[in-house]
Amino acid sequence: MKKVTTKEFIWYLGCGLLIFLGLVAVTFGIIGYHMHVPSEFNFIEKFEASIKFELRYIGLIFIGAGVVLSICVLVFNAKKADREVEKKIRREQRIAAQSSKTIEVKNAVEIIEEAPAAPEEAK
């Protein structure tokens, strides 16, 4: 099993932070909508009026962007891991062909080497 690299971890952390900020924005948007105070004392409605956009929608955009970005990072790293496994298998096959060993690939991760079978004598 391949360990998570630092760069991959930082990407996932950034995506998680983006999703968290989206959840916070959605929560503040809902709180601001349901506050039962006059408009001049509702700081969330004042902020929404100044940016001319509701916090709930900004939060949903952040959540969507975080999810899409994390899926892209996951797909990229999965393809990279698959390429490394295939490269290792091809290398093992080349080494086995050079040393006249037979190699059997049961799955993409496990490689089992066997000694060459003795040639049968002609009768």
PDB file of N, CA and C in Angstrom:
ATOM      1  N   MET A   1       0.839  -1.179   0.000  1.00  0.00           N
ATOM      2  CA  MET A   1       0.000   0.000   0.000  1.00  0.00           C
ATOM      3  C   MET A   1       0.887   1.246   0.000  1.00  0.00           C
ATOM      4  N   LYS A   2       0.613   2.138  -0.899  1.00  0.00           N
ATOM      5  CA  LYS A   2       1.397   3.363  -1.034  1.00  0.00           C
ATOM      6  C   LYS A   2       0.971   4.358   0.039  1.00  0.00           C
ATOM      7  N   LYS A   3       1.964   4.979   0.658  1.00  0.00           N
ATOM      8  CA  LYS A   3       1.659   5.979   1.673  1.00  0.00           C
ATOM      9  C   LYS A   3       1.305   7.294   0.997  1.00  0.00           C
ATOM     10  N   VAL A   4       0.578   8.124   1.706  1.00  0.00           N
ATOM     11  CA  VAL A   4       0.166   9.437   1.201  1.00  0.00           C
ATOM     12  C   VAL A   4       1.365  10.376   1.287  1.00  0.00           C
ATOM     13  N   THR A   5       1.671  11.042   0.176  1.00  0.00           N
ATOM     14  CA  THR A   5       2.790  11.976   0.165  1.00  0.00           C
ATOM     15  C   THR A   5       2.384  13.286   0.836  1.00  0.00           C
ATOM     16  N   THR A   6       3.381  14.096   1.152  1.00  0.00           N
ATOM     17  CA  THR A   6       3.120  15.380   1.806  1.00  0.00           C
ATOM     18  C   THR A   6       2.328  16.303   0.889  1.00  0.00           C
ATOM     19  N   LYS A   7       2.691  16.305  -0.394  1.00  0.00           N
ATOM     20  CA  LYS A   7       1.994  17.174  -1.346  1.00  0.00           C
ATOM     21  C   LYS A   7       0.525  16.764  -1.465  1.00  0.00           C
ATOM     22  N   GLU A   8       0.275  15.468  -1.527  1.00  0.00           N
ATOM     23  CA  GLU A   8      -1.108  14.983  -1.611  1.00  0.00           C
ATOM     24  C   GLU A   8      -1.886  15.345  -0.347  1.00  0.00           C
ATOM     25  N   PHE A   9      -1.252  15.210   0.813  1.00  0.00           N
ATOM     26  CA  PHE A   9      -1.897  15.542   2.078  1.00  0.00           C
ATOM     27  C   PHE A   9      -2.252  17.023   2.136  1.00  0.00           C
ATOM     28  N   ILE A  10      -1.346  17.879   1.652  1.00  0.00           N
ATOM     29  CA  ILE A  10      -1.609  19.324   1.649  1.00  0.00           C
ATOM     30  C   ILE A  10      -2.788  19.649   0.733  1.00  0.00           C
ATOM     31  N   TRP A  11      -2.872  18.987  -0.427  1.00  0.00           N
ATOM     32  CA  TRP A  11      -4.017  19.207  -1.327  1.00  0.00           C
ATOM     33  C   TRP A  11      -5.322  18.807  -0.650  1.00  0.00           C
ATOM     34  N   TYR A  12      -5.327  17.641   0.000  1.00  0.00           N
ATOM     35  CA  TYR A  12      -6.546  17.202   0.690  1.00  0.00           C
ATOM     36  C   TYR A  12      -6.895  18.147   1.839  1.00  0.00           C
ATOM     37  N   LEU A  13      -5.890  18.642   2.540  1.00  0.00           N
ATOM     38  CA  LEU A  13      -6.132  19.580   3.627  1.00  0.00           C
ATOM     39  C   LEU A  13      -6.742  20.877   3.098  1.00  0.00           C
ATOM     40  N   GLY A  14      -6.231  21.361   1.966  1.00  0.00           N
ATOM     41  CA  GLY A  14      -6.792  22.565   1.355  1.00  0.00           C
ATOM     42  C   GLY A  14      -8.229  22.366   0.905  1.00  0.00           C
ATOM     43  N   CYS A  15      -8.519  21.200   0.329  1.00  0.00           N
ATOM     44  CA  CYS A  15      -9.897  20.904  -0.091  1.00  0.00           C
ATOM     45  C   CYS A  15     -10.819  20.815   1.117  1.00  0.00           C
ATOM     46  N   GLY A  16     -10.336  20.204   2.182  1.00  0.00           N
ATOM     47  CA  GLY A  16     -11.133  20.128   3.411  1.00  0.00           C
ATOM     48  C   GLY A  16     -11.383  21.496   4.003  1.00  0.00           C
ATOM     49  N   LEU A  17     -10.385  22.371   3.949  1.00  0.00           N
ATOM     50  CA  LEU A  17     -10.556  23.733   4.443  1.00  0.00           C
ATOM     51  C   LEU A  17     -11.580  24.494   3.605  1.00  0.00           C
ATOM     52  N   LEU A  18     -11.544  24.305   2.296  1.00  0.00           N
ATOM     53  CA  LEU A  18     -12.509  24.961   1.417  1.00  0.00           C
ATOM     54  C   LEU A  18     -13.938  24.482   1.726  1.00  0.00           C
ATOM     55  N   ILE A  19     -14.106  23.192   1.937  1.00  0.00           N
ATOM     56  CA  ILE A  19     -15.422  22.646   2.289  1.00  0.00           C
ATOM     57  C   ILE A  19     -15.866  23.164   3.658  1.00  0.00           C
ATOM     58  N   PHE A  20     -14.931  23.234   4.610  1.00  0.00           N
ATOM     59  CA  PHE A  20     -15.265  23.756   5.940  1.00  0.00           C
ATOM     60  C   PHE A  20     -15.709  25.211   5.867  1.00  0.00           C
ATOM     61  N   LEU A  21     -14.999  26.036   5.098  1.00  0.00           N
ATOM     62  CA  LEU A  21     -15.404  27.435   4.934  1.00  0.00           C
ATOM     63  C   LEU A  21     -16.789  27.534   4.290  1.00  0.00           C
ATOM     64  N   GLY A  22     -17.085  26.644   3.353  1.00  0.00           N
ATOM     65  CA  GLY A  22     -18.415  26.614   2.750  1.00  0.00           C
ATOM     66  C   GLY A  22     -19.488  26.289   3.770  1.00  0.00           C
ATOM     67  N   LEU A  23     -19.203  25.309   4.631  1.00  0.00           N
ATOM     68  CA  LEU A  23     -20.180  24.959   5.669  1.00  0.00           C
ATOM     69  C   LEU A  23     -20.398  26.109   6.654  1.00  0.00           C
ATOM     70  N   VAL A  24     -19.314  26.817   7.000  1.00  0.00           N
ATOM     71  CA  VAL A  24     -19.440  27.965   7.900  1.00  0.00           C
ATOM     72  C   VAL A  24     -20.280  29.053   7.244  1.00  0.00           C
ATOM     73  N   ALA A  25     -20.030  29.325   5.963  1.00  0.00           N
ATOM     74  CA  ALA A  25     -20.792  30.359   5.262  1.00  0.00           C
ATOM     75  C   ALA A  25     -22.271  29.989   5.177  1.00  0.00           C
ATOM     76  N   VAL A  26     -22.562  28.721   4.879  1.00  0.00           N
ATOM     77  CA  VAL A  26     -23.965  28.280   4.825  1.00  0.00           C
ATOM     78  C   VAL A  26     -24.619  28.433   6.191  1.00  0.00           C
ATOM     79  N   THR A  27     -23.899  28.062   7.244  1.00  0.00           N
ATOM     80  CA  THR A  27     -24.451  28.173   8.597  1.00  0.00           C
ATOM     81  C   THR A  27     -24.738  29.627   8.961  1.00  0.00           C
ATOM     82  N   PHE A  28     -23.787  30.524   8.674  1.00  0.00           N
ATOM     83  CA  PHE A  28     -24.033  31.938   8.965  1.00  0.00           C
ATOM     84  C   PHE A  28     -25.171  32.494   8.119  1.00  0.00           C
ATOM     85  N   GLY A  29     -25.293  32.029   6.883  1.00  0.00           N
ATOM     86  CA  GLY A  29     -26.399  32.480   6.043  1.00  0.00           C
ATOM     87  C   GLY A  29     -27.745  32.072   6.604  1.00  0.00           C
ATOM     88  N   ILE A  30     -27.821  30.848   7.112  1.00  0.00           N
ATOM     89  CA  ILE A  30     -29.078  30.377   7.700  1.00  0.00           C
ATOM     90  C   ILE A  30     -29.370  31.129   9.003  1.00  0.00           C
ATOM     91  N   ILE A  31     -28.339  31.333   9.817  1.00  0.00           N
ATOM     92  CA  ILE A  31     -28.536  32.073  11.067  1.00  0.00           C
ATOM     93  C   ILE A  31     -28.991  33.502  10.779  1.00  0.00           C
ATOM     94  N   GLY A  32     -28.343  34.149   9.818  1.00  0.00           N
ATOM     95  CA  GLY A  32     -28.717  35.528   9.481  1.00  0.00           C
ATOM     96  C   GLY A  32     -30.117  35.634   8.939  1.00  0.00           C
ATOM     97  N   TYR A  33     -30.570  34.631   8.200  1.00  0.00           N
ATOM     98  CA  TYR A  33     -31.918  34.651   7.641  1.00  0.00           C
ATOM     99  C   TYR A  33     -32.964  34.499   8.736  1.00  0.00           C
ATOM    100  N   HIS A  34     -32.664  33.713   9.761  1.00  0.00           N
ATOM    101  CA  HIS A  34     -33.654  33.433  10.803  1.00  0.00           C
ATOM    102  C   HIS A  34     -33.470  34.278  12.066  1.00  0.00           C
ATOM    103  N   MET A  35     -32.582  35.259  12.069  1.00  0.00           N
ATOM    104  CA  MET A  35     -32.430  36.134  13.245  1.00  0.00           C
ATOM    105  C   MET A  35     -33.632  37.050  13.361  1.00  0.00           C
ATOM    106  N   HIS A  36     -34.188  37.111  14.527  1.00  0.00           N
ATOM    107  CA  HIS A  36     -35.361  37.964  14.747  1.00  0.00           C
ATOM    108  C   HIS A  36     -34.945  39.262  15.433  1.00  0.00           C
ATOM    109  N   VAL A  37     -34.170  40.047  14.707  1.00  0.00           N
ATOM    110  CA  VAL A  37     -33.759  41.367  15.195  1.00  0.00           C
ATOM    111  C   VAL A  37     -33.993  42.355  14.063  1.00  0.00           C
ATOM    112  N   PRO A  38     -34.066  43.627  14.369  1.00  0.00           N
ATOM    113  CA  PRO A  38     -34.217  44.618  13.299  1.00  0.00           C
ATOM    114  C   PRO A  38     -33.030  44.566  12.324  1.00  0.00           C
ATOM    115  N   SER A  39     -33.283  44.946  11.092  1.00  0.00           N
ATOM    116  CA  SER A  39     -32.266  44.853  10.045  1.00  0.00           C
ATOM    117  C   SER A  39     -31.019  45.658  10.352  1.00  0.00           C
ATOM    118  N   GLU A  40     -31.153  46.778  11.083  1.00  0.00           N
ATOM    119  CA  GLU A  40     -29.962  47.574  11.366  1.00  0.00           C
ATOM    120  C   GLU A  40     -29.037  46.905  12.374  1.00  0.00           C
ATOM    121  N   PHE A  41     -29.538  45.894  13.128  1.00  0.00           N
ATOM    122  CA  PHE A  41     -28.711  45.175  14.086  1.00  0.00           C
ATOM    123  C   PHE A  41     -28.272  43.795  13.586  1.00  0.00           C
ATOM    124  N   ASN A  42     -28.765  43.396  12.460  1.00  0.00           N
ATOM    125  CA  ASN A  42     -28.398  42.090  11.909  1.00  0.00           C
ATOM    126  C   ASN A  42     -27.148  42.254  11.046  1.00  0.00           C
ATOM    127  N   PHE A  43     -25.990  41.932  11.633  1.00  0.00           N
ATOM    128  CA  PHE A  43     -24.723  42.140  10.932  1.00  0.00           C
ATOM    129  C   PHE A  43     -24.561  41.199   9.734  1.00  0.00           C
ATOM    130  N   ILE A  44     -25.210  40.057   9.749  1.00  0.00           N
ATOM    131  CA  ILE A  44     -25.099  39.111   8.630  1.00  0.00           C
ATOM    132  C   ILE A  44     -25.849  39.651   7.415  1.00  0.00           C
ATOM    133  N   GLU A  45     -27.036  40.202   7.631  1.00  0.00           N
ATOM    134  CA  GLU A  45     -27.771  40.803   6.508  1.00  0.00           C
ATOM    135  C   GLU A  45     -27.046  42.026   5.965  1.00  0.00           C
ATOM    136  N   LYS A  46     -26.398  42.800   6.837  1.00  0.00           N
ATOM    137  CA  LYS A  46     -25.613  43.949   6.376  1.00  0.00           C
ATOM    138  C   LYS A  46     -24.458  43.482   5.488  1.00  0.00           C
ATOM    139  N   PHE A  47     -23.793  42.412   5.920  1.00  0.00           N
ATOM    140  CA  PHE A  47     -22.676  41.884   5.130  1.00  0.00           C
ATOM    141  C   PHE A  47     -23.170  41.366   3.785  1.00  0.00           C
ATOM    142  N   GLU A  48     -24.286  40.641   3.781  1.00  0.00           N
ATOM    143  CA  GLU A  48     -24.849  40.137   2.533  1.00  0.00           C
ATOM    144  C   GLU A  48     -25.260  41.274   1.612  1.00  0.00           C
ATOM    145  N   ALA A  49     -25.778  42.365   2.175  1.00  0.00           N
ATOM    146  CA  ALA A  49     -26.162  43.517   1.366  1.00  0.00           C
ATOM    147  C   ALA A  49     -24.937  44.200   0.770  1.00  0.00           C
ATOM    148  N   SER A  50     -23.825  44.207   1.520  1.00  0.00           N
ATOM    149  CA  SER A  50     -22.617  44.861   1.003  1.00  0.00           C
ATOM    150  C   SER A  50     -21.969  44.059  -0.122  1.00  0.00           C
ATOM    151  N   ILE A  51     -22.052  42.723  -0.063  1.00  0.00           N
ATOM    152  CA  ILE A  51     -21.460  41.917  -1.142  1.00  0.00           C
ATOM    153  C   ILE A  51     -22.485  41.577  -2.221  1.00  0.00           C
ATOM    154  N   LYS A  52     -23.739  41.902  -1.983  1.00  0.00           N
ATOM    155  CA  LYS A  52     -24.840  41.680  -2.934  1.00  0.00           C
ATOM    156  C   LYS A  52     -24.984  40.205  -3.336  1.00  0.00           C
ATOM    157  N   PHE A  53     -24.760  39.318  -2.367  1.00  0.00           N
ATOM    158  CA  PHE A  53     -24.892  37.887  -2.606  1.00  0.00           C
ATOM    159  C   PHE A  53     -25.157  37.218  -1.268  1.00  0.00           C
ATOM    160  N   GLU A  54     -25.979  36.176  -1.236  1.00  0.00           N
ATOM    161  CA  GLU A  54     -26.295  35.519   0.026  1.00  0.00           C
ATOM    162  C   GLU A  54     -25.186  34.556   0.432  1.00  0.00           C
ATOM    163  N   LEU A  55     -24.940  34.479   1.742  1.00  0.00           N
ATOM    164  CA  LEU A  55     -23.890  33.600   2.251  1.00  0.00           C
ATOM    165  C   LEU A  55     -24.196  32.131   2.006  1.00  0.00           C
ATOM    166  N   ARG A  56     -25.465  31.771   1.969  1.00  0.00           N
ATOM    167  CA  ARG A  56     -25.820  30.374   1.713  1.00  0.00           C
ATOM    168  C   ARG A  56     -25.333  29.937   0.339  1.00  0.00           C
ATOM    169  N   TYR A  57     -25.493  30.803  -0.639  1.00  0.00           N
ATOM    170  CA  TYR A  57     -25.068  30.453  -1.994  1.00  0.00           C
ATOM    171  C   TYR A  57     -23.547  30.460  -2.125  1.00  0.00           C
ATOM    172  N   ILE A  58     -22.890  31.391  -1.454  1.00  0.00           N
ATOM    173  CA  ILE A  58     -21.427  31.408  -1.451  1.00  0.00           C
ATOM    174  C   ILE A  58     -20.900  30.120  -0.818  1.00  0.00           C
ATOM    175  N   GLY A  59     -21.531  29.706   0.279  1.00  0.00           N
ATOM    176  CA  GLY A  59     -21.131  28.461   0.942  1.00  0.00           C
ATOM    177  C   GLY A  59     -21.317  27.253   0.052  1.00  0.00           C
ATOM    178  N   LEU A  60     -22.429  27.202  -0.670  1.00  0.00           N
ATOM    179  CA  LEU A  60     -22.653  26.078  -1.575  1.00  0.00           C
ATOM    180  C   LEU A  60     -21.620  26.059  -2.697  1.00  0.00           C
ATOM    181  N   ILE A  61     -21.222  27.235  -3.170  1.00  0.00           N
ATOM    182  CA  ILE A  61     -20.185  27.306  -4.199  1.00  0.00           C
ATOM    183  C   ILE A  61     -18.853  26.797  -3.643  1.00  0.00           C
ATOM    184  N   PHE A  62     -18.502  27.202  -2.418  1.00  0.00           N
ATOM    185  CA  PHE A  62     -17.266  26.721  -1.790  1.00  0.00           C
ATOM    186  C   PHE A  62     -17.289  25.213  -1.585  1.00  0.00           C
ATOM    187  N   ILE A  63     -18.417  24.688  -1.125  1.00  0.00           N
ATOM    188  CA  ILE A  63     -18.524  23.248  -0.912  1.00  0.00           C
ATOM    189  C   ILE A  63     -18.376  22.505  -2.239  1.00  0.00           C
ATOM    190  N   GLY A  64     -19.060  22.976  -3.261  1.00  0.00           N
ATOM    191  CA  GLY A  64     -18.957  22.330  -4.576  1.00  0.00           C
ATOM    192  C   GLY A  64     -17.547  22.382  -5.132  1.00  0.00           C
ATOM    193  N   ALA A  65     -16.891  23.536  -4.992  1.00  0.00           N
ATOM    194  CA  ALA A  65     -15.515  23.660  -5.487  1.00  0.00           C
ATOM    195  C   ALA A  65     -14.572  22.740  -4.713  1.00  0.00           C
ATOM    196  N   GLY A  66     -14.761  22.646  -3.407  1.00  0.00           N
ATOM    197  CA  GLY A  66     -13.920  21.761  -2.603  1.00  0.00           C
ATOM    198  C   GLY A  66     -14.101  20.305  -2.953  1.00  0.00           C
ATOM    199  N   VAL A  67     -15.332  19.898  -3.188  1.00  0.00           N
ATOM    200  CA  VAL A  67     -15.604  18.506  -3.556  1.00  0.00           C
ATOM    201  C   VAL A  67     -15.021  18.184  -4.931  1.00  0.00           C
ATOM    202  N   VAL A  68     -15.239  19.065  -5.896  1.00  0.00           N
ATOM    203  CA  VAL A  68     -14.713  18.827  -7.248  1.00  0.00           C
ATOM    204  C   VAL A  68     -13.189  18.793  -7.229  1.00  0.00           C
ATOM    205  N   LEU A  69     -12.568  19.701  -6.510  1.00  0.00           N
ATOM    206  CA  LEU A  69     -11.112  19.735  -6.429  1.00  0.00           C
ATOM    207  C   LEU A  69     -10.563  18.486  -5.741  1.00  0.00           C
ATOM    208  N   SER A  70     -11.208  18.037  -4.686  1.00  0.00           N
ATOM    209  CA  SER A  70     -10.726  16.833  -4.000  1.00  0.00           C
ATOM    210  C   SER A  70     -10.899  15.594  -4.869  1.00  0.00           C
ATOM    211  N   ILE A  71     -11.955  15.531  -5.657  1.00  0.00           N
ATOM    212  CA  ILE A  71     -12.130  14.406  -6.580  1.00  0.00           C
ATOM    213  C   ILE A  71     -11.038  14.425  -7.643  1.00  0.00           C
ATOM    214  N   CYS A  72     -10.706  15.614  -8.147  1.00  0.00           N
ATOM    215  CA  CYS A  72      -9.636  15.721  -9.143  1.00  0.00           C
ATOM    216  C   CYS A  72      -8.297  15.270  -8.565  1.00  0.00           C
ATOM    217  N   VAL A  73      -7.997  15.673  -7.333  1.00  0.00           N
ATOM    218  CA  VAL A  73      -6.753  15.263  -6.684  1.00  0.00           C
ATOM    219  C   VAL A  73      -6.741  13.749  -6.479  1.00  0.00           C
ATOM    220  N   LEU A  74      -7.864  13.193  -6.070  1.00  0.00           N
ATOM    221  CA  LEU A  74      -7.950  11.747  -5.849  1.00  0.00           C
ATOM    222  C   LEU A  74      -7.741  10.972  -7.145  1.00  0.00           C
ATOM    223  N   VAL A  75      -8.370  11.406  -8.222  1.00  0.00           N
ATOM    224  CA  VAL A  75      -8.227  10.727  -9.510  1.00  0.00           C
ATOM    225  C   VAL A  75      -6.789  10.832 -10.016  1.00  0.00           C
ATOM    226  N   PHE A  76      -6.192  12.019  -9.890  1.00  0.00           N
ATOM    227  CA  PHE A  76      -4.817  12.207 -10.341  1.00  0.00           C
ATOM    228  C   PHE A  76      -3.861  11.281  -9.593  1.00  0.00           C
ATOM    229  N   ASN A  77      -3.988  11.214  -8.276  1.00  0.00           N
ATOM    230  CA  ASN A  77      -3.087  10.378  -7.483  1.00  0.00           C
ATOM    231  C   ASN A  77      -3.352   8.891  -7.694  1.00  0.00           C
ATOM    232  N   ALA A  78      -4.590   8.516  -7.960  1.00  0.00           N
ATOM    233  CA  ALA A  78      -4.893   7.109  -8.240  1.00  0.00           C
ATOM    234  C   ALA A  78      -4.267   6.684  -9.568  1.00  0.00           C
ATOM    235  N   LYS A  79      -4.362   7.545 -10.581  1.00  0.00           N
ATOM    236  CA  LYS A  79      -3.734   7.222 -11.868  1.00  0.00           C
ATOM    237  C   LYS A  79      -2.222   7.152 -11.727  1.00  0.00           C
ATOM    238  N   LYS A  80      -1.658   8.045 -10.930  1.00  0.00           N
ATOM    239  CA  LYS A  80      -0.215   8.038 -10.716  1.00  0.00           C
ATOM    240  C   LYS A  80       0.224   6.747 -10.027  1.00  0.00           C
ATOM    241  N   ALA A  81      -0.532   6.293  -9.042  1.00  0.00           N
ATOM    242  CA  ALA A  81      -0.212   5.041  -8.348  1.00  0.00           C
ATOM    243  C   ALA A  81      -0.343   3.850  -9.293  1.00  0.00           C
ATOM    244  N   ASP A  82      -1.367   3.853 -10.151  1.00  0.00           N
ATOM    245  CA  ASP A  82      -1.531   2.770 -11.117  1.00  0.00           C
ATOM    246  C   ASP A  82      -0.363   2.724 -12.092  1.00  0.00           C
ATOM    247  N   ARG A  83       0.093   3.891 -12.539  1.00  0.00           N
ATOM    248  CA  ARG A  83       1.243   3.930 -13.453  1.00  0.00           C
ATOM    249  C   ARG A  83       2.489   3.370 -12.783  1.00  0.00           C
ATOM    250  N   GLU A  84       2.689   3.673 -11.503  1.00  0.00           N
ATOM    251  CA  GLU A  84       3.856   3.159 -10.781  1.00  0.00           C
ATOM    252  C   GLU A  84       3.799   1.646 -10.631  1.00  0.00           C
ATOM    253  N   VAL A  85       2.603   1.105 -10.359  1.00  0.00           N
ATOM    254  CA  VAL A  85       2.459  -0.347 -10.229  1.00  0.00           C
ATOM    255  C   VAL A  85       2.716  -1.020 -11.571  1.00  0.00           C
ATOM    256  N   GLU A  86       2.157  -0.468 -12.655  1.00  0.00           N
ATOM    257  CA  GLU A  86       2.385  -1.051 -13.972  1.00  0.00           C
ATOM    258  C   GLU A  86       3.854  -0.978 -14.360  1.00  0.00           C
ATOM    259  N   LYS A  87       4.521   0.112 -14.007  1.00  0.00           N
ATOM    260  CA  LYS A  87       5.946   0.255 -14.296  1.00  0.00           C
ATOM    261  C   LYS A  87       6.744  -0.811 -13.549  1.00  0.00           C
ATOM    262  N   LYS A  88       6.380  -1.068 -12.297  1.00  0.00           N
ATOM    263  CA  LYS A  88       7.067  -2.092 -11.505  1.00  0.00           C
ATOM    264  C   LYS A  88       6.850  -3.480 -12.105  1.00  0.00           C
ATOM    265  N   ILE A  89       5.637  -3.751 -12.553  1.00  0.00           N
ATOM    266  CA  ILE A  89       5.351  -5.058 -13.161  1.00  0.00           C
ATOM    267  C   ILE A  89       6.141  -5.232 -14.448  1.00  0.00           C
ATOM    268  N   ARG A  90       6.185  -4.202 -15.292  1.00  0.00           N
ATOM    269  CA  ARG A  90       6.957  -4.304 -16.541  1.00  0.00           C
ATOM    270  C   ARG A  90       8.436  -4.511 -16.260  1.00  0.00           C
ATOM    271  N   ARG A  91       8.961  -3.814 -15.240  1.00  0.00           N
ATOM    272  CA  ARG A  91      10.365  -3.981 -14.869  1.00  0.00           C
ATOM    273  C   ARG A  91      10.642  -5.409 -14.427  1.00  0.00           C
ATOM    274  N   GLU A  92       9.751  -5.960 -13.591  1.00  0.00           N
ATOM    275  CA  GLU A  92       9.917  -7.340 -13.138  1.00  0.00           C
ATOM    276  C   GLU A  92       9.843  -8.321 -14.319  1.00  0.00           C
ATOM    277  N   GLN A  93       8.960  -8.054 -15.269  1.00  0.00           N
ATOM    278  CA  GLN A  93       8.855  -8.929 -16.434  1.00  0.00           C
ATOM    279  C   GLN A  93      10.110  -8.866 -17.291  1.00  0.00           C
ATOM    280  N   ARG A  94      10.694  -7.665 -17.448  1.00  0.00           N
ATOM    281  CA  ARG A  94      11.934  -7.549 -18.215  1.00  0.00           C
ATOM    282  C   ARG A  94      13.073  -8.286 -17.525  1.00  0.00           C
ATOM    283  N   ILE A  95      13.179  -8.139 -16.218  1.00  0.00           N
ATOM    284  CA  ILE A  95      14.237  -8.831 -15.470  1.00  0.00           C
ATOM    285  C   ILE A  95      14.044 -10.334 -15.565  1.00  0.00           C
ATOM    286  N   ALA A  96      12.803 -10.781 -15.470  1.00  0.00           N
ATOM    287  CA  ALA A  96      12.528 -12.217 -15.563  1.00  0.00           C
ATOM    288  C   ALA A  96      12.851 -12.747 -16.951  1.00  0.00           C
ATOM    289  N   ALA A  97      12.565 -11.975 -17.985  1.00  0.00           N
ATOM    290  CA  ALA A  97      12.865 -12.409 -19.349  1.00  0.00           C
ATOM    291  C   ALA A  97      14.370 -12.477 -19.572  1.00  0.00           C
ATOM    292  N   GLN A  98      15.122 -11.571 -18.999  1.00  0.00           N
ATOM    293  CA  GLN A  98      16.571 -11.566 -19.157  1.00  0.00           C
ATOM    294  C   GLN A  98      17.215 -12.726 -18.402  1.00  0.00           C
ATOM    295  N   SER A  99      16.682 -13.096 -17.266  1.00  0.00           N
ATOM    296  CA  SER A  99      17.268 -14.169 -16.470  1.00  0.00           C
ATOM    297  C   SER A  99      16.580 -15.502 -16.731  1.00  0.00           C
ATOM    298  N   SER A 100      15.757 -15.565 -17.745  1.00  0.00           N
ATOM    299  CA  SER A 100      15.010 -16.758 -18.190  1.00  0.00           C
ATOM    300  C   SER A 100      14.180 -17.374 -17.076  1.00  0.00           C
ATOM    301  N   LYS A 101      13.639 -16.565 -16.225  1.00  0.00           N
ATOM    302  CA  LYS A 101      12.688 -17.016 -15.220  1.00  0.00           C
ATOM    303  C   LYS A 101      11.299 -16.767 -15.769  1.00  0.00           C
ATOM    304  N   THR A 102      10.362 -17.562 -15.311  1.00  0.00           N
ATOM    305  CA  THR A 102       8.977 -17.267 -15.669  1.00  0.00           C
ATOM    306  C   THR A 102       8.370 -16.456 -14.532  1.00  0.00           C
ATOM    307  N   ILE A 103       7.484 -15.603 -14.884  1.00  0.00           N
ATOM    308  CA  ILE A 103       6.847 -14.742 -13.892  1.00  0.00           C
ATOM    309  C   ILE A 103       5.344 -14.833 -14.066  1.00  0.00           C
ATOM    310  N   GLU A 104       4.653 -14.905 -12.974  1.00  0.00           N
ATOM    311  CA  GLU A 104       3.198 -14.989 -13.004  1.00  0.00           C
ATOM    312  C   GLU A 104       2.641 -13.809 -12.240  1.00  0.00           C
ATOM    313  N   VAL A 105       1.750 -13.070 -12.878  1.00  0.00           N
ATOM    314  CA  VAL A 105       1.133 -11.907 -12.245  1.00  0.00           C
ATOM    315  C   VAL A 105      -0.285 -12.302 -11.858  1.00  0.00           C
ATOM    316  N   LYS A 106      -0.522 -12.434 -10.552  1.00  0.00           N
ATOM    317  CA  LYS A 106      -1.859 -12.798 -10.094  1.00  0.00           C
ATOM    318  C   LYS A 106      -2.763 -11.588 -10.004  1.00  0.00           C
ATOM    319  N   ASN A 107      -2.227 -10.461  -9.574  1.00  0.00           N
ATOM    320  CA  ASN A 107      -2.963  -9.205  -9.582  1.00  0.00           C
ATOM    321  C   ASN A 107      -1.958  -8.079  -9.722  1.00  0.00           C
ATOM    322  N   ALA A 108      -2.414  -6.860  -9.715  1.00  0.00           N
ATOM    323  CA  ALA A 108      -1.539  -5.728 -10.010  1.00  0.00           C
ATOM    324  C   ALA A 108      -0.551  -5.430  -8.888  1.00  0.00           C
ATOM    325  N   VAL A 109      -0.739  -6.019  -7.723  1.00  0.00           N
ATOM    326  CA  VAL A 109       0.125  -5.695  -6.607  1.00  0.00           C
ATOM    327  C   VAL A 109       1.093  -6.826  -6.297  1.00  0.00           C
ATOM    328  N   GLU A 110       0.639  -8.070  -6.369  1.00  0.00           N
ATOM    329  CA  GLU A 110       1.443  -9.202  -5.959  1.00  0.00           C
ATOM    330  C   GLU A 110       2.102  -9.845  -7.174  1.00  0.00           C
ATOM    331  N   ILE A 111       3.409 -10.051  -7.106  1.00  0.00           N
ATOM    332  CA  ILE A 111       4.156 -10.680  -8.184  1.00  0.00           C
ATOM    333  C   ILE A 111       4.792 -11.934  -7.617  1.00  0.00           C
ATOM    334  N   ILE A 112       4.568 -13.059  -8.286  1.00  0.00           N
ATOM    335  CA  ILE A 112       5.106 -14.330  -7.827  1.00  0.00           C
ATOM    336  C   ILE A 112       6.052 -14.847  -8.897  1.00  0.00           C
ATOM    337  N   GLU A 113       7.288 -15.145  -8.498  1.00  0.00           N
ATOM    338  CA  GLU A 113       8.264 -15.668  -9.434  1.00  0.00           C
ATOM    339  C   GLU A 113       8.343 -17.172  -9.271  1.00  0.00           C
ATOM    340  N   GLU A 114       8.515 -17.858 -10.383  1.00  0.00           N
ATOM    341  CA  GLU A 114       8.674 -19.305 -10.361  1.00  0.00           C
ATOM    342  C   GLU A 114       9.922 -19.663 -11.142  1.00  0.00           C
ATOM    343  N   ALA A 115      10.535 -20.751 -10.766  1.00  0.00           N
ATOM    344  CA  ALA A 115      11.700 -21.237 -11.498  1.00  0.00           C
ATOM    345  C   ALA A 115      11.231 -21.774 -12.847  1.00  0.00           C
ATOM    346  N   PRO A 116      12.086 -21.684 -13.880  1.00  0.00           N
ATOM    347  CA  PRO A 116      11.659 -22.185 -15.191  1.00  0.00           C
ATOM    348  C   PRO A 116      11.439 -23.693 -15.157  1.00  0.00           C
ATOM    349  N   ALA A 117      10.462 -24.143 -15.886  1.00  0.00           N
ATOM    350  CA  ALA A 117      10.167 -25.577 -15.939  1.00  0.00           C
ATOM    351  C   ALA A 117      11.249 -26.264 -16.753  1.00  0.00           C
ATOM    352  N   ALA A 118      11.550 -27.489 -16.334  1.00  0.00           N
ATOM    353  CA  ALA A 118      12.574 -28.263 -17.057  1.00  0.00           C
ATOM    354  C   ALA A 118      12.032 -28.637 -18.427  1.00  0.00           C
ATOM    355  N   PRO A 119      12.843 -28.468 -19.479  1.00  0.00           N
ATOM    356  CA  PRO A 119      12.347 -28.809 -20.817  1.00  0.00           C
ATOM    357  C   PRO A 119      12.188 -30.324 -20.933  1.00  0.00           C
ATOM    358  N   GLU A 120      11.111 -30.708 -21.577  1.00  0.00           N
ATOM    359  CA  GLU A 120      10.857 -32.145 -21.782  1.00  0.00           C
ATOM    360  C   GLU A 120      11.742 -32.641 -22.903  1.00  0.00           C
ATOM    361  N   GLU A 121      12.276 -33.825 -22.697  1.00  0.00           N
ATOM    362  CA  GLU A 121      13.163 -34.401 -23.714  1.00  0.00           C
ATOM    363  C   GLU A 121      12.356 -35.002 -24.837  1.00  0.00           C
ATOM    364  N   ALA A 122      12.876 -34.888 -26.034  1.00  0.00           N
ATOM    365  CA  ALA A 122      12.188 -35.455 -27.203  1.00  0.00           C
ATOM    366  C   ALA A 122      12.242 -36.959 -27.143  1.00  0.00           C
ATOM    367  N   LYS A 123      11.167 -37.628 -27.513  1.00  0.00           N
ATOM    368  CA  LYS A 123      11.118 -39.100 -27.450  1.00  0.00           C
ATOM    369  C   LYS A 123      11.379 -39.710 -28.769  1.00  0.00           C
TER     370      LYS A 123
END
